[in-house]
Amino acid sequence: MSNKVLNRIAISLAVGFFGFIIWIIYLANTGGRSVFFVLIKHMPYGDKVGHMLLFGTLTIWLTLHCNFVVLTLANMAFIGAASEFRCL
């Protein structure tokens, strides 16, 4: 597969996953029920684990889309969330 195809797949997954996060936020704010909420409720620190998985996965998809762009500030290199703004 070419780099362009992989790039489109990565951004499609990131956009889709962002929509999933918006849906979860909507359900949480309106008091909706979801199997995810039941699962998280039974885990110790489940809300923290859920946030880490949701936003960590979104960061991975965006990093893949950006082809691992590195943002350098004050001689420090940032890969990932800090560099996402540079490629979008």
N, C-alpha and C. Protein backbone atom coordinates (compact mmCIF):
# COMPACT_ATOMS: atom_id res chain seq x y z
N MET A 1 0.83 -1.19 0.00
CA MET A 1 0.00 0.00 0.00
C MET A 1 0.87 1.24 0.00
N SER A 2 0.40 2.24 -0.67
CA SER A 2 1.18 3.47 -0.73
C SER A 2 0.97 4.28 0.54
N ASN A 3 1.84 5.23 0.73
CA ASN A 3 1.78 6.10 1.90
C ASN A 3 0.49 6.92 1.90
N LYS A 4 0.03 7.31 0.71
CA LYS A 4 -1.19 8.11 0.61
C LYS A 4 -2.41 7.32 1.09
N VAL A 5 -2.47 6.04 0.73
CA VAL A 5 -3.58 5.19 1.14
C VAL A 5 -3.56 4.99 2.66
N LEU A 6 -2.37 4.71 3.20
CA LEU A 6 -2.25 4.53 4.65
C LEU A 6 -2.61 5.82 5.39
N ASN A 7 -2.25 6.95 4.82
CA ASN A 7 -2.57 8.23 5.43
C ASN A 7 -4.08 8.43 5.47
N ARG A 8 -4.76 8.09 4.39
CA ARG A 8 -6.22 8.23 4.35
C ARG A 8 -6.90 7.27 5.32
N ILE A 9 -6.37 6.07 5.44
CA ILE A 9 -6.92 5.11 6.40
C ILE A 9 -6.76 5.63 7.82
N ALA A 10 -5.57 6.16 8.14
CA ALA A 10 -5.31 6.67 9.48
C ALA A 10 -6.22 7.85 9.82
N ILE A 11 -6.42 8.78 8.89
CA ILE A 11 -7.28 9.92 9.19
C ILE A 11 -8.74 9.48 9.27
N SER A 12 -9.15 8.50 8.46
CA SER A 12 -10.51 7.99 8.55
C SER A 12 -10.77 7.34 9.90
N LEU A 13 -9.81 6.57 10.38
CA LEU A 13 -9.95 5.95 11.70
C LEU A 13 -9.97 7.01 12.80
N ALA A 14 -9.15 8.04 12.67
CA ALA A 14 -9.12 9.10 13.68
C ALA A 14 -10.45 9.85 13.71
N VAL A 15 -10.99 10.18 12.55
CA VAL A 15 -12.28 10.89 12.49
C VAL A 15 -13.40 10.01 13.04
N GLY A 16 -13.40 8.75 12.67
CA GLY A 16 -14.41 7.82 13.18
C GLY A 16 -14.32 7.65 14.69
N PHE A 17 -13.11 7.55 15.18
CA PHE A 17 -12.92 7.39 16.62
C PHE A 17 -13.30 8.66 17.37
N PHE A 18 -13.03 9.82 16.76
CA PHE A 18 -13.45 11.08 17.37
C PHE A 18 -14.97 11.12 17.47
N GLY A 19 -15.67 10.65 16.45
CA GLY A 19 -17.12 10.56 16.50
C GLY A 19 -17.59 9.64 17.62
N PHE A 20 -16.88 8.54 17.82
CA PHE A 20 -17.19 7.62 18.91
C PHE A 20 -17.04 8.31 20.27
N ILE A 21 -15.98 9.09 20.43
CA ILE A 21 -15.76 9.83 21.67
C ILE A 21 -16.89 10.83 21.90
N ILE A 22 -17.30 11.53 20.85
CA ILE A 22 -18.41 12.48 20.97
C ILE A 22 -19.69 11.75 21.39
N TRP A 23 -19.94 10.57 20.83
CA TRP A 23 -21.12 9.79 21.19
C TRP A 23 -21.07 9.38 22.67
N ILE A 24 -19.91 8.93 23.14
CA ILE A 24 -19.76 8.54 24.55
C ILE A 24 -20.00 9.75 25.45
N ILE A 25 -19.46 10.91 25.09
CA ILE A 25 -19.66 12.13 25.89
C ILE A 25 -21.14 12.49 25.92
N TYR A 26 -21.82 12.39 24.77
CA TYR A 26 -23.25 12.67 24.71
C TYR A 26 -24.04 11.74 25.64
N LEU A 27 -23.74 10.44 25.58
CA LEU A 27 -24.43 9.49 26.45
C LEU A 27 -24.18 9.80 27.92
N ALA A 28 -22.95 10.13 28.26
CA ALA A 28 -22.63 10.42 29.66
C ALA A 28 -23.35 11.68 30.14
N ASN A 29 -23.44 12.69 29.30
CA ASN A 29 -24.08 13.94 29.71
C ASN A 29 -25.60 13.85 29.77
N THR A 30 -26.20 12.97 28.99
CA THR A 30 -27.65 12.85 28.98
C THR A 30 -28.15 11.72 29.87
N GLY A 31 -27.24 11.02 30.53
CA GLY A 31 -27.64 9.92 31.40
C GLY A 31 -27.99 8.66 30.65
N GLY A 32 -27.52 8.55 29.43
CA GLY A 32 -27.79 7.36 28.62
C GLY A 32 -27.07 6.14 29.16
N ARG A 33 -27.50 4.98 28.69
CA ARG A 33 -26.89 3.73 29.12
C ARG A 33 -26.07 3.15 27.98
N SER A 34 -24.99 2.52 28.37
CA SER A 34 -24.12 1.87 27.40
C SER A 34 -23.39 0.72 28.09
N VAL A 35 -23.05 -0.29 27.33
CA VAL A 35 -22.29 -1.40 27.88
C VAL A 35 -20.92 -0.92 28.37
N PHE A 36 -20.40 0.13 27.77
CA PHE A 36 -19.11 0.67 28.19
C PHE A 36 -19.18 1.23 29.61
N PHE A 37 -20.29 1.88 29.95
CA PHE A 37 -20.44 2.45 31.28
C PHE A 37 -20.55 1.35 32.34
N VAL A 38 -21.23 0.27 32.00
CA VAL A 38 -21.34 -0.86 32.93
C VAL A 38 -19.97 -1.48 33.15
N LEU A 39 -19.22 -1.66 32.10
CA LEU A 39 -17.89 -2.24 32.20
C LEU A 39 -16.96 -1.36 33.03
N ILE A 40 -16.98 -0.07 32.77
CA ILE A 40 -16.11 0.87 33.48
C ILE A 40 -16.48 0.95 34.96
N LYS A 41 -17.77 0.85 35.26
CA LYS A 41 -18.23 0.95 36.65
C LYS A 41 -17.68 -0.17 37.52
N HIS A 42 -17.43 -1.34 36.93
CA HIS A 42 -16.97 -2.49 37.70
C HIS A 42 -15.45 -2.58 37.79
N MET A 43 -14.74 -1.67 37.18
CA MET A 43 -13.27 -1.68 37.23
C MET A 43 -12.79 -0.63 38.23
N PRO A 44 -11.76 -0.97 39.01
CA PRO A 44 -11.19 0.08 39.86
C PRO A 44 -10.50 1.13 38.98
N TYR A 45 -10.76 2.38 39.25
CA TYR A 45 -10.25 3.51 38.45
C TYR A 45 -10.65 3.37 36.99
N GLY A 46 -11.83 2.82 36.76
CA GLY A 46 -12.30 2.56 35.40
C GLY A 46 -12.43 3.81 34.56
N ASP A 47 -12.85 4.93 35.18
CA ASP A 47 -12.98 6.16 34.40
C ASP A 47 -11.63 6.65 33.92
N LYS A 48 -10.61 6.49 34.76
CA LYS A 48 -9.26 6.91 34.36
C LYS A 48 -8.73 6.03 33.24
N VAL A 49 -8.95 4.73 33.36
CA VAL A 49 -8.52 3.79 32.32
C VAL A 49 -9.25 4.08 31.02
N GLY A 50 -10.55 4.37 31.11
CA GLY A 50 -11.34 4.68 29.92
C GLY A 50 -10.83 5.92 29.21
N HIS A 51 -10.54 6.97 29.98
CA HIS A 51 -10.00 8.19 29.37
C HIS A 51 -8.66 7.93 28.70
N MET A 52 -7.80 7.16 29.38
CA MET A 52 -6.48 6.86 28.81
C MET A 52 -6.63 6.09 27.49
N LEU A 53 -7.52 5.11 27.46
CA LEU A 53 -7.71 4.32 26.24
C LEU A 53 -8.32 5.16 25.11
N LEU A 54 -9.33 5.95 25.43
CA LEU A 54 -9.98 6.76 24.40
C LEU A 54 -9.03 7.77 23.77
N PHE A 55 -8.42 8.58 24.61
CA PHE A 55 -7.59 9.65 24.07
C PHE A 55 -6.21 9.16 23.63
N GLY A 56 -5.74 8.07 24.23
CA GLY A 56 -4.50 7.46 23.76
C GLY A 56 -4.65 6.88 22.36
N THR A 57 -5.79 6.21 22.12
CA THR A 57 -6.06 5.66 20.79
C THR A 57 -6.21 6.77 19.76
N LEU A 58 -6.92 7.84 20.12
CA LEU A 58 -7.07 8.97 19.19
C LEU A 58 -5.71 9.58 18.87
N THR A 59 -4.85 9.70 19.86
CA THR A 59 -3.51 10.25 19.63
C THR A 59 -2.68 9.35 18.71
N ILE A 60 -2.81 8.05 18.88
CA ILE A 60 -2.07 7.12 18.01
C ILE A 60 -2.51 7.27 16.55
N TRP A 61 -3.84 7.34 16.31
CA TRP A 61 -4.33 7.49 14.94
C TRP A 61 -3.87 8.80 14.33
N LEU A 62 -3.91 9.88 15.11
CA LEU A 62 -3.45 11.17 14.57
C LEU A 62 -1.95 11.18 14.32
N THR A 63 -1.20 10.52 15.19
CA THR A 63 0.25 10.44 14.99
C THR A 63 0.57 9.67 13.72
N LEU A 64 -0.16 8.59 13.46
CA LEU A 64 0.04 7.85 12.22
C LEU A 64 -0.32 8.71 11.01
N HIS A 65 -1.39 9.47 11.13
CA HIS A 65 -1.79 10.35 10.04
C HIS A 65 -0.72 11.40 9.75
N CYS A 66 -0.08 11.88 10.77
CA CYS A 66 0.93 12.94 10.62
C CYS A 66 2.31 12.39 10.29
N ASN A 67 2.40 11.09 10.06
CA ASN A 67 3.68 10.46 9.71
C ASN A 67 4.76 10.74 10.75
N PHE A 68 4.39 10.71 12.01
CA PHE A 68 5.31 10.86 13.13
C PHE A 68 6.08 12.18 13.08
N VAL A 69 5.36 13.25 12.81
CA VAL A 69 5.96 14.58 12.79
C VAL A 69 6.49 14.90 14.18
N VAL A 70 7.67 15.47 14.24
CA VAL A 70 8.28 15.84 15.51
C VAL A 70 8.26 17.36 15.63
N LEU A 71 7.76 17.84 16.76
CA LEU A 71 7.72 19.26 17.05
C LEU A 71 8.84 19.56 18.04
N THR A 72 9.73 20.49 17.70
CA THR A 72 10.85 20.82 18.57
C THR A 72 10.64 22.20 19.18
N LEU A 73 10.63 22.25 20.50
CA LEU A 73 10.51 23.50 21.24
C LEU A 73 11.58 23.52 22.32
N ALA A 74 12.39 24.57 22.33
CA ALA A 74 13.43 24.74 23.35
C ALA A 74 14.31 23.49 23.48
N ASN A 75 14.76 22.97 22.35
CA ASN A 75 15.63 21.79 22.28
C ASN A 75 15.00 20.53 22.85
N MET A 76 13.67 20.49 22.90
CA MET A 76 12.97 19.30 23.34
C MET A 76 12.08 18.83 22.19
N ALA A 77 12.13 17.54 21.90
CA ALA A 77 11.35 16.98 20.81
C ALA A 77 10.05 16.38 21.35
N PHE A 78 8.93 16.72 20.73
CA PHE A 78 7.63 16.19 21.11
C PHE A 78 7.07 15.40 19.95
N ILE A 79 6.77 14.13 20.19
CA ILE A 79 6.13 13.29 19.19
C ILE A 79 4.74 12.98 19.73
N GLY A 80 3.74 13.10 18.91
CA GLY A 80 2.40 12.75 19.36
C GLY A 80 1.51 13.96 19.47
N ALA A 81 0.81 14.06 20.59
CA ALA A 81 -0.25 15.07 20.74
C ALA A 81 0.25 16.48 20.51
N ALA A 82 1.43 16.81 20.96
CA ALA A 82 1.94 18.17 20.79
C ALA A 82 2.23 18.49 19.34
N SER A 83 2.60 17.48 18.57
CA SER A 83 2.93 17.73 17.17
C SER A 83 1.71 17.62 16.26
N GLU A 84 0.56 17.20 16.77
CA GLU A 84 -0.62 17.04 15.93
C GLU A 84 -1.06 18.36 15.34
N PHE A 85 -0.92 19.44 16.08
CA PHE A 85 -1.35 20.74 15.58
C PHE A 85 -0.52 21.20 14.39
N ARG A 86 0.71 20.74 14.32
CA ARG A 86 1.61 21.13 13.24
C ARG A 86 1.18 20.55 11.90
N CYS A 87 0.64 19.33 11.91
CA CYS A 87 0.31 18.69 10.63
C CYS A 87 -1.14 18.91 10.20
N LEU A 88 -1.98 19.36 11.10
CA LEU A 88 -3.38 19.58 10.74
C LEU A 88 -3.49 20.95 10.18
